[in-house]
Amino acid sequence: MAAQLLAGVQRYLDRILVGLGVLLMFWIWHLGHLEWGAQRYVPTWMDDRILLFVAPPLLLAAFGLVRAALAGAFAYPLVVVVGELLGGAAWDLQVMFLGEEHEPLHAGWWIAVALYVWVVLGATWGEARARRWARMEAEETSPAQP
């Protein structure tokens, strides 16, 4: 029984380690923003929505798409900073042209979500394609079955 459990853990060890790494990266990134982030770069609109950005890499790691999970986890900080910067620029343009009495656009949130979806889908597609090509290559180089 213990040997079967150990074999099962070893089989899924890469998925488990990547999942734990993704959680650790998001936790460190989030705490870093709360503790040391300048106000301009703190994702204030992200505090309650961080789970939307944690879930895809965790699901990808669970399904064995380890490289796509890591790409999603590493893309998160860049996407947040770019979303905040472009969202700040959109806010300035809105104030300049529409005045402050209008509702905020929340452009930073939508920019960050769009960039993140693009990165995660691209990484997933790339890894699936790499696996397909590796499988085709293995079939071509394997000896013919009689």
N, C-alpha and C. Protein backbone atom coordinates (compact mmCIF):
# COMPACT_ATOMS: atom_id res chain seq x y z
N MET A 1 0.83 -1.20 0.00
CA MET A 1 0.00 0.00 0.00
C MET A 1 0.87 1.25 0.00
N ALA A 2 1.87 1.27 0.86
CA ALA A 2 2.75 2.43 0.93
C ALA A 2 3.55 2.60 -0.35
N ALA A 3 3.94 1.47 -0.96
CA ALA A 3 4.70 1.54 -2.22
C ALA A 3 3.83 2.10 -3.33
N GLN A 4 2.56 1.74 -3.36
CA GLN A 4 1.65 2.28 -4.38
C GLN A 4 1.44 3.77 -4.18
N LEU A 5 1.31 4.18 -2.93
CA LEU A 5 1.14 5.60 -2.64
C LEU A 5 2.38 6.38 -3.05
N LEU A 6 3.55 5.85 -2.75
CA LEU A 6 4.79 6.51 -3.13
C LEU A 6 4.94 6.57 -4.65
N ALA A 7 4.55 5.52 -5.35
CA ALA A 7 4.61 5.51 -6.81
C ALA A 7 3.64 6.55 -7.39
N GLY A 8 2.46 6.67 -6.79
CA GLY A 8 1.50 7.68 -7.25
C GLY A 8 2.00 9.09 -7.02
N VAL A 9 2.63 9.31 -5.88
CA VAL A 9 3.18 10.64 -5.59
C VAL A 9 4.32 10.95 -6.55
N GLN A 10 5.19 9.97 -6.82
CA GLN A 10 6.29 10.20 -7.74
C GLN A 10 5.79 10.47 -9.15
N ARG A 11 4.71 9.81 -9.53
CA ARG A 11 4.15 10.03 -10.87
C ARG A 11 3.66 11.46 -11.05
N TYR A 12 3.06 11.99 -10.02
CA TYR A 12 2.50 13.34 -10.10
C TYR A 12 3.34 14.37 -9.37
N LEU A 13 4.60 14.06 -9.08
CA LEU A 13 5.44 14.96 -8.30
C LEU A 13 5.67 16.29 -9.02
N ASP A 14 5.86 16.26 -10.34
CA ASP A 14 6.07 17.51 -11.05
C ASP A 14 4.85 18.41 -10.97
N ARG A 15 3.67 17.82 -11.08
CA ARG A 15 2.44 18.61 -10.98
C ARG A 15 2.26 19.19 -9.58
N ILE A 16 2.55 18.37 -8.58
CA ILE A 16 2.42 18.83 -7.19
C ILE A 16 3.40 19.96 -6.90
N LEU A 17 4.65 19.79 -7.32
CA LEU A 17 5.66 20.82 -7.06
C LEU A 17 5.36 22.11 -7.81
N VAL A 18 4.90 22.01 -9.05
CA VAL A 18 4.55 23.22 -9.79
C VAL A 18 3.35 23.90 -9.16
N GLY A 19 2.36 23.14 -8.72
CA GLY A 19 1.21 23.74 -8.04
C GLY A 19 1.62 24.47 -6.78
N LEU A 20 2.47 23.85 -5.98
CA LEU A 20 2.96 24.53 -4.77
C LEU A 20 3.81 25.75 -5.12
N GLY A 21 4.61 25.64 -6.17
CA GLY A 21 5.42 26.78 -6.61
C GLY A 21 4.56 27.94 -7.08
N VAL A 22 3.49 27.62 -7.81
CA VAL A 22 2.58 28.67 -8.27
C VAL A 22 1.94 29.37 -7.09
N LEU A 23 1.46 28.60 -6.11
CA LEU A 23 0.87 29.22 -4.92
C LEU A 23 1.88 30.09 -4.18
N LEU A 24 3.09 29.60 -4.05
CA LEU A 24 4.13 30.36 -3.36
C LEU A 24 4.47 31.65 -4.11
N MET A 25 4.57 31.56 -5.44
CA MET A 25 4.88 32.76 -6.22
C MET A 25 3.79 33.81 -6.09
N PHE A 26 2.54 33.39 -6.18
CA PHE A 26 1.45 34.35 -6.05
C PHE A 26 1.41 34.93 -4.65
N TRP A 27 1.65 34.13 -3.63
CA TRP A 27 1.63 34.62 -2.26
C TRP A 27 2.74 35.64 -2.04
N ILE A 28 3.95 35.32 -2.49
CA ILE A 28 5.07 36.26 -2.34
C ILE A 28 4.81 37.53 -3.12
N TRP A 29 4.32 37.41 -4.33
CA TRP A 29 4.04 38.59 -5.15
C TRP A 29 2.98 39.47 -4.49
N HIS A 30 1.94 38.85 -3.99
CA HIS A 30 0.86 39.61 -3.37
C HIS A 30 1.35 40.30 -2.09
N LEU A 31 2.11 39.58 -1.27
CA LEU A 31 2.64 40.20 -0.05
C LEU A 31 3.64 41.30 -0.37
N GLY A 32 4.43 41.10 -1.40
CA GLY A 32 5.37 42.14 -1.82
C GLY A 32 4.66 43.42 -2.23
N HIS A 33 3.55 43.27 -2.93
CA HIS A 33 2.77 44.45 -3.32
C HIS A 33 2.17 45.13 -2.11
N LEU A 34 1.66 44.34 -1.17
CA LEU A 34 1.04 44.94 0.00
C LEU A 34 2.07 45.63 0.89
N GLU A 35 3.29 45.08 0.95
CA GLU A 35 4.29 45.60 1.87
C GLU A 35 5.14 46.70 1.25
N TRP A 36 5.68 46.46 0.05
CA TRP A 36 6.68 47.37 -0.50
C TRP A 36 6.23 48.10 -1.76
N GLY A 37 5.08 47.79 -2.28
CA GLY A 37 4.68 48.39 -3.55
C GLY A 37 4.40 49.88 -3.42
N ALA A 38 4.89 50.62 -4.39
CA ALA A 38 4.54 52.04 -4.46
C ALA A 38 3.06 52.12 -4.80
N GLN A 39 2.41 53.17 -4.37
CA GLN A 39 0.97 53.27 -4.56
C GLN A 39 0.58 53.15 -6.03
N ARG A 40 1.44 53.66 -6.89
CA ARG A 40 1.14 53.62 -8.31
C ARG A 40 1.11 52.19 -8.85
N TYR A 41 1.90 51.32 -8.27
CA TYR A 41 1.99 49.96 -8.79
C TYR A 41 1.20 48.94 -7.97
N VAL A 42 0.61 49.36 -6.87
CA VAL A 42 -0.17 48.42 -6.06
C VAL A 42 -1.47 48.11 -6.79
N PRO A 43 -1.75 46.86 -7.03
CA PRO A 43 -2.97 46.51 -7.75
C PRO A 43 -4.18 46.55 -6.81
N THR A 44 -4.65 47.73 -6.49
CA THR A 44 -5.73 47.86 -5.52
C THR A 44 -6.99 47.16 -6.00
N TRP A 45 -7.23 47.15 -7.29
CA TRP A 45 -8.41 46.50 -7.82
C TRP A 45 -8.21 45.00 -7.94
N MET A 46 -7.01 44.52 -7.59
CA MET A 46 -6.70 43.11 -7.76
C MET A 46 -6.78 42.33 -6.45
N ASP A 47 -6.83 43.00 -5.31
CA ASP A 47 -6.72 42.30 -4.03
C ASP A 47 -7.75 41.18 -3.89
N ASP A 48 -8.98 41.45 -4.26
CA ASP A 48 -10.02 40.43 -4.12
C ASP A 48 -10.15 39.55 -5.35
N ARG A 49 -9.45 39.88 -6.41
CA ARG A 49 -9.59 39.12 -7.66
C ARG A 49 -8.37 38.28 -7.97
N ILE A 50 -7.46 38.16 -7.02
CA ILE A 50 -6.23 37.42 -7.29
C ILE A 50 -6.52 35.95 -7.59
N LEU A 51 -7.61 35.42 -7.06
CA LEU A 51 -7.94 34.02 -7.31
C LEU A 51 -8.23 33.75 -8.78
N LEU A 52 -8.73 34.76 -9.49
CA LEU A 52 -8.94 34.59 -10.93
C LEU A 52 -7.63 34.37 -11.66
N PHE A 53 -6.55 34.91 -11.12
CA PHE A 53 -5.25 34.77 -11.76
C PHE A 53 -4.48 33.56 -11.22
N VAL A 54 -4.84 33.06 -10.06
CA VAL A 54 -4.17 31.88 -9.49
C VAL A 54 -4.77 30.60 -10.06
N ALA A 55 -6.06 30.60 -10.33
CA ALA A 55 -6.74 29.37 -10.74
C ALA A 55 -6.22 28.77 -12.05
N PRO A 56 -6.03 29.54 -13.12
CA PRO A 56 -5.57 28.90 -14.37
C PRO A 56 -4.24 28.17 -14.25
N PRO A 57 -3.18 28.77 -13.65
CA PRO A 57 -1.95 27.99 -13.52
C PRO A 57 -2.10 26.74 -12.65
N LEU A 58 -2.92 26.82 -11.61
CA LEU A 58 -3.13 25.63 -10.78
C LEU A 58 -3.85 24.53 -11.56
N LEU A 59 -4.84 24.91 -12.35
CA LEU A 59 -5.54 23.91 -13.17
C LEU A 59 -4.62 23.33 -14.23
N LEU A 60 -3.81 24.19 -14.85
CA LEU A 60 -2.87 23.69 -15.86
C LEU A 60 -1.86 22.73 -15.24
N ALA A 61 -1.38 23.05 -14.03
CA ALA A 61 -0.45 22.15 -13.35
C ALA A 61 -1.13 20.83 -13.01
N ALA A 62 -2.39 20.89 -12.61
CA ALA A 62 -3.12 19.66 -12.28
C ALA A 62 -3.30 18.77 -13.50
N PHE A 63 -3.45 19.38 -14.67
CA PHE A 63 -3.62 18.61 -15.91
C PHE A 63 -2.29 18.22 -16.54
N GLY A 64 -1.18 18.59 -15.91
CA GLY A 64 0.12 18.19 -16.41
C GLY A 64 0.76 19.16 -17.39
N LEU A 65 0.15 20.28 -17.64
CA LEU A 65 0.72 21.29 -18.54
C LEU A 65 1.62 22.21 -17.72
N VAL A 66 2.77 21.68 -17.33
CA VAL A 66 3.64 22.33 -16.36
C VAL A 66 4.22 23.62 -16.92
N ARG A 67 4.70 23.59 -18.17
CA ARG A 67 5.29 24.81 -18.74
C ARG A 67 4.26 25.92 -18.90
N ALA A 68 3.05 25.57 -19.28
CA ALA A 68 1.99 26.58 -19.39
C ALA A 68 1.63 27.15 -18.02
N ALA A 69 1.63 26.31 -17.00
CA ALA A 69 1.34 26.78 -15.64
C ALA A 69 2.41 27.76 -15.17
N LEU A 70 3.66 27.43 -15.43
CA LEU A 70 4.74 28.34 -15.04
C LEU A 70 4.70 29.64 -15.83
N ALA A 71 4.34 29.56 -17.11
CA ALA A 71 4.22 30.79 -17.91
C ALA A 71 3.13 31.68 -17.35
N GLY A 72 2.01 31.10 -16.96
CA GLY A 72 0.94 31.89 -16.36
C GLY A 72 1.34 32.51 -15.04
N ALA A 73 2.06 31.75 -14.24
CA ALA A 73 2.49 32.27 -12.93
C ALA A 73 3.52 33.38 -13.09
N PHE A 74 4.46 33.21 -14.02
CA PHE A 74 5.47 34.25 -14.22
C PHE A 74 4.90 35.48 -14.93
N ALA A 75 3.83 35.30 -15.70
CA ALA A 75 3.24 36.43 -16.42
C ALA A 75 2.43 37.33 -15.51
N TYR A 76 1.94 36.80 -14.40
CA TYR A 76 1.06 37.58 -13.53
C TYR A 76 1.64 38.92 -13.10
N PRO A 77 2.87 38.98 -12.56
CA PRO A 77 3.37 40.29 -12.13
C PRO A 77 3.50 41.29 -13.27
N LEU A 78 3.95 40.82 -14.43
CA LEU A 78 4.09 41.72 -15.57
C LEU A 78 2.74 42.23 -16.05
N VAL A 79 1.78 41.34 -16.09
CA VAL A 79 0.44 41.71 -16.53
C VAL A 79 -0.17 42.74 -15.59
N VAL A 80 0.03 42.56 -14.30
CA VAL A 80 -0.53 43.51 -13.32
C VAL A 80 0.10 44.88 -13.47
N VAL A 81 1.42 44.93 -13.60
CA VAL A 81 2.10 46.23 -13.72
C VAL A 81 1.69 46.92 -15.02
N VAL A 82 1.68 46.18 -16.12
CA VAL A 82 1.28 46.77 -17.40
C VAL A 82 -0.18 47.20 -17.35
N GLY A 83 -1.04 46.38 -16.76
CA GLY A 83 -2.44 46.76 -16.63
C GLY A 83 -2.63 48.01 -15.79
N GLU A 84 -1.87 48.12 -14.69
CA GLU A 84 -1.97 49.31 -13.85
C GLU A 84 -1.47 50.55 -14.59
N LEU A 85 -0.35 50.42 -15.30
CA LEU A 85 0.19 51.57 -16.02
C LEU A 85 -0.75 52.03 -17.12
N LEU A 86 -1.24 51.09 -17.92
CA LEU A 86 -2.16 51.46 -19.00
C LEU A 86 -3.51 51.91 -18.44
N GLY A 87 -3.92 51.32 -17.32
CA GLY A 87 -5.15 51.77 -16.68
C GLY A 87 -5.04 53.18 -16.15
N GLY A 88 -3.85 53.53 -15.60
CA GLY A 88 -3.61 54.91 -15.15
C GLY A 88 -3.64 55.88 -16.31
N ALA A 89 -3.06 55.47 -17.43
CA ALA A 89 -3.09 56.32 -18.62
C ALA A 89 -4.52 56.48 -19.12
N ALA A 90 -5.30 55.41 -19.11
CA ALA A 90 -6.70 55.51 -19.53
C ALA A 90 -7.49 56.41 -18.60
N TRP A 91 -7.20 56.33 -17.29
CA TRP A 91 -7.88 57.20 -16.34
C TRP A 91 -7.55 58.67 -16.61
N ASP A 92 -6.28 58.95 -16.89
CA ASP A 92 -5.88 60.32 -17.20
C ASP A 92 -6.57 60.83 -18.45
N LEU A 93 -6.68 59.99 -19.47
CA LEU A 93 -7.38 60.39 -20.69
C LEU A 93 -8.86 60.61 -20.43
N GLN A 94 -9.44 59.77 -19.59
CA GLN A 94 -10.86 59.93 -19.27
C GLN A 94 -11.09 61.24 -18.54
N VAL A 95 -10.22 61.56 -17.59
CA VAL A 95 -10.36 62.81 -16.84
C VAL A 95 -10.16 63.99 -17.79
N MET A 96 -9.20 63.87 -18.69
CA MET A 96 -8.89 64.96 -19.60
C MET A 96 -10.05 65.24 -20.55
N PHE A 97 -10.67 64.20 -21.08
CA PHE A 97 -11.68 64.40 -22.11
C PHE A 97 -13.11 64.37 -21.59
N LEU A 98 -13.38 63.62 -20.54
CA LEU A 98 -14.76 63.47 -20.07
C LEU A 98 -15.02 64.18 -18.75
N GLY A 99 -13.99 64.51 -18.03
CA GLY A 99 -14.18 65.09 -16.71
C GLY A 99 -14.31 64.00 -15.66
N GLU A 100 -14.19 64.37 -14.39
CA GLU A 100 -14.16 63.37 -13.32
C GLU A 100 -15.55 62.93 -12.87
N GLU A 101 -16.60 63.53 -13.39
CA GLU A 101 -17.92 63.15 -12.91
C GLU A 101 -18.40 61.83 -13.50
N HIS A 102 -17.68 61.29 -14.47
CA HIS A 102 -18.08 60.02 -15.08
C HIS A 102 -17.54 58.84 -14.27
N GLU A 103 -18.18 57.71 -14.45
CA GLU A 103 -17.72 56.48 -13.80
C GLU A 103 -16.35 56.09 -14.33
N PRO A 104 -15.50 55.52 -13.49
CA PRO A 104 -14.17 55.11 -13.98
C PRO A 104 -14.30 53.95 -14.98
N LEU A 105 -13.36 53.90 -15.89
CA LEU A 105 -13.38 52.87 -16.93
C LEU A 105 -12.90 51.51 -16.44
N HIS A 106 -12.10 51.49 -15.40
CA HIS A 106 -11.45 50.27 -14.93
C HIS A 106 -10.69 49.59 -16.06
N ALA A 107 -10.05 50.40 -16.87
CA ALA A 107 -9.33 49.87 -18.03
C ALA A 107 -8.18 48.98 -17.61
N GLY A 108 -7.54 49.30 -16.48
CA GLY A 108 -6.42 48.48 -16.03
C GLY A 108 -6.81 47.04 -15.79
N TRP A 109 -7.98 46.85 -15.20
CA TRP A 109 -8.47 45.50 -14.94
C TRP A 109 -8.68 44.74 -16.24
N TRP A 110 -9.35 45.36 -17.20
CA TRP A 110 -9.64 44.67 -18.46
C TRP A 110 -8.39 44.44 -19.29
N ILE A 111 -7.45 45.37 -19.24
CA ILE A 111 -6.18 45.18 -19.94
C ILE A 111 -5.41 44.02 -19.33
N ALA A 112 -5.35 43.97 -18.00
CA ALA A 112 -4.64 42.88 -17.33
C ALA A 112 -5.29 41.53 -17.62
N VAL A 113 -6.61 41.48 -17.59
CA VAL A 113 -7.31 40.22 -17.86
C VAL A 113 -7.06 39.77 -19.30
N ALA A 114 -7.15 40.70 -20.25
CA ALA A 114 -6.93 40.34 -21.65
C ALA A 114 -5.50 39.86 -21.88
N LEU A 115 -4.53 40.55 -21.32
CA LEU A 115 -3.14 40.12 -21.47
C LEU A 115 -2.91 38.75 -20.83
N TYR A 116 -3.50 38.55 -19.67
CA TYR A 116 -3.30 37.28 -18.97
C TYR A 116 -3.94 36.12 -19.72
N VAL A 117 -5.14 36.33 -20.23
CA VAL A 117 -5.80 35.29 -21.02
C VAL A 117 -4.97 34.96 -22.25
N TRP A 118 -4.43 35.99 -22.88
CA TRP A 118 -3.59 35.79 -24.07
C TRP A 118 -2.35 34.95 -23.73
N VAL A 119 -1.69 35.27 -22.62
CA VAL A 119 -0.49 34.54 -22.22
C VAL A 119 -0.82 33.09 -21.88
N VAL A 120 -1.86 32.88 -21.08
CA VAL A 120 -2.20 31.52 -20.65
C VAL A 120 -2.67 30.66 -21.83
N LEU A 121 -3.52 31.22 -22.68
CA LEU A 121 -3.96 30.45 -23.85
C LEU A 121 -2.81 30.17 -24.80
N GLY A 122 -1.96 31.15 -25.01
CA GLY A 122 -0.80 30.94 -25.88
C GLY A 122 0.15 29.90 -25.34
N ALA A 123 0.40 29.93 -24.04
CA ALA A 123 1.29 28.94 -23.43
C ALA A 123 0.68 27.55 -23.48
N THR A 124 -0.61 27.45 -23.24
CA THR A 124 -1.29 26.15 -23.29
C THR A 124 -1.27 25.59 -24.70
N TRP A 125 -1.58 26.42 -25.67
CA TRP A 125 -1.55 25.98 -27.07
C TRP A 125 -0.14 25.57 -27.47
N GLY A 126 0.85 26.35 -27.06
CA GLY A 126 2.23 26.02 -27.40
C GLY A 126 2.68 24.70 -26.80
N GLU A 127 2.30 24.46 -25.54
CA GLU A 127 2.70 23.19 -24.92
C GLU A 127 1.96 22.02 -25.54
N ALA A 128 0.68 22.19 -25.84
CA ALA A 128 -0.06 21.11 -26.49
C ALA A 128 0.52 20.81 -27.87
N ARG A 129 0.91 21.83 -28.59
CA ARG A 129 1.51 21.63 -29.91
C ARG A 129 2.87 20.95 -29.79
N ALA A 130 3.66 21.35 -28.80
CA ALA A 130 4.97 20.71 -28.60
C ALA A 130 4.80 19.23 -28.25
N ARG A 131 3.80 18.90 -27.43
CA ARG A 131 3.55 17.50 -27.11
C ARG A 131 3.11 16.71 -28.34
N ARG A 132 2.28 17.34 -29.16
CA ARG A 132 1.82 16.67 -30.38
C ARG A 132 2.98 16.38 -31.31
N TRP A 133 3.85 17.39 -31.49
CA TRP A 133 5.00 17.19 -32.36
C TRP A 133 5.96 16.15 -31.79
N ALA A 134 6.14 16.12 -30.49
CA ALA A 134 7.00 15.11 -29.87
C ALA A 134 6.42 13.72 -30.06
N ARG A 135 5.11 13.60 -29.95
CA ARG A 135 4.46 12.31 -30.16
C ARG A 135 4.60 11.87 -31.62
N MET A 136 4.41 12.80 -32.56
CA MET A 136 4.57 12.46 -33.98
C MET A 136 6.01 12.07 -34.29
N GLU A 137 6.95 12.79 -33.70
CA GLU A 137 8.37 12.48 -33.90
C GLU A 137 8.71 11.10 -33.35
N ALA A 138 8.15 10.77 -32.20
CA ALA A 138 8.40 9.45 -31.60
C ALA A 138 7.81 8.35 -32.47
N GLU A 139 6.65 8.59 -33.06
CA GLU A 139 6.04 7.58 -33.93
C GLU A 139 6.85 7.38 -35.20
N GLU A 140 7.43 8.47 -35.74
CA GLU A 140 8.22 8.36 -36.96
C GLU A 140 9.53 7.63 -36.73
N THR A 141 10.14 7.85 -35.57
CA THR A 141 11.44 7.24 -35.31
C THR A 141 11.36 5.86 -34.68
N SER A 142 10.19 5.46 -34.24
CA SER A 142 10.07 4.13 -33.63
C SER A 142 10.08 3.06 -34.72
N PRO A 143 10.61 1.89 -34.40
CA PRO A 143 10.63 0.82 -35.42
C PRO A 143 9.21 0.40 -35.78
N ALA A 144 9.06 0.01 -37.02
CA ALA A 144 7.73 -0.39 -37.51
C ALA A 144 7.29 -1.68 -36.83
N GLN A 145 6.03 -1.73 -36.51
CA GLN A 145 5.45 -2.92 -35.88
C GLN A 145 5.05 -3.90 -36.98
N PRO A 146 5.41 -5.19 -36.85
CA PRO A 146 5.04 -6.16 -37.91
C PRO A 146 3.57 -6.51 -37.85
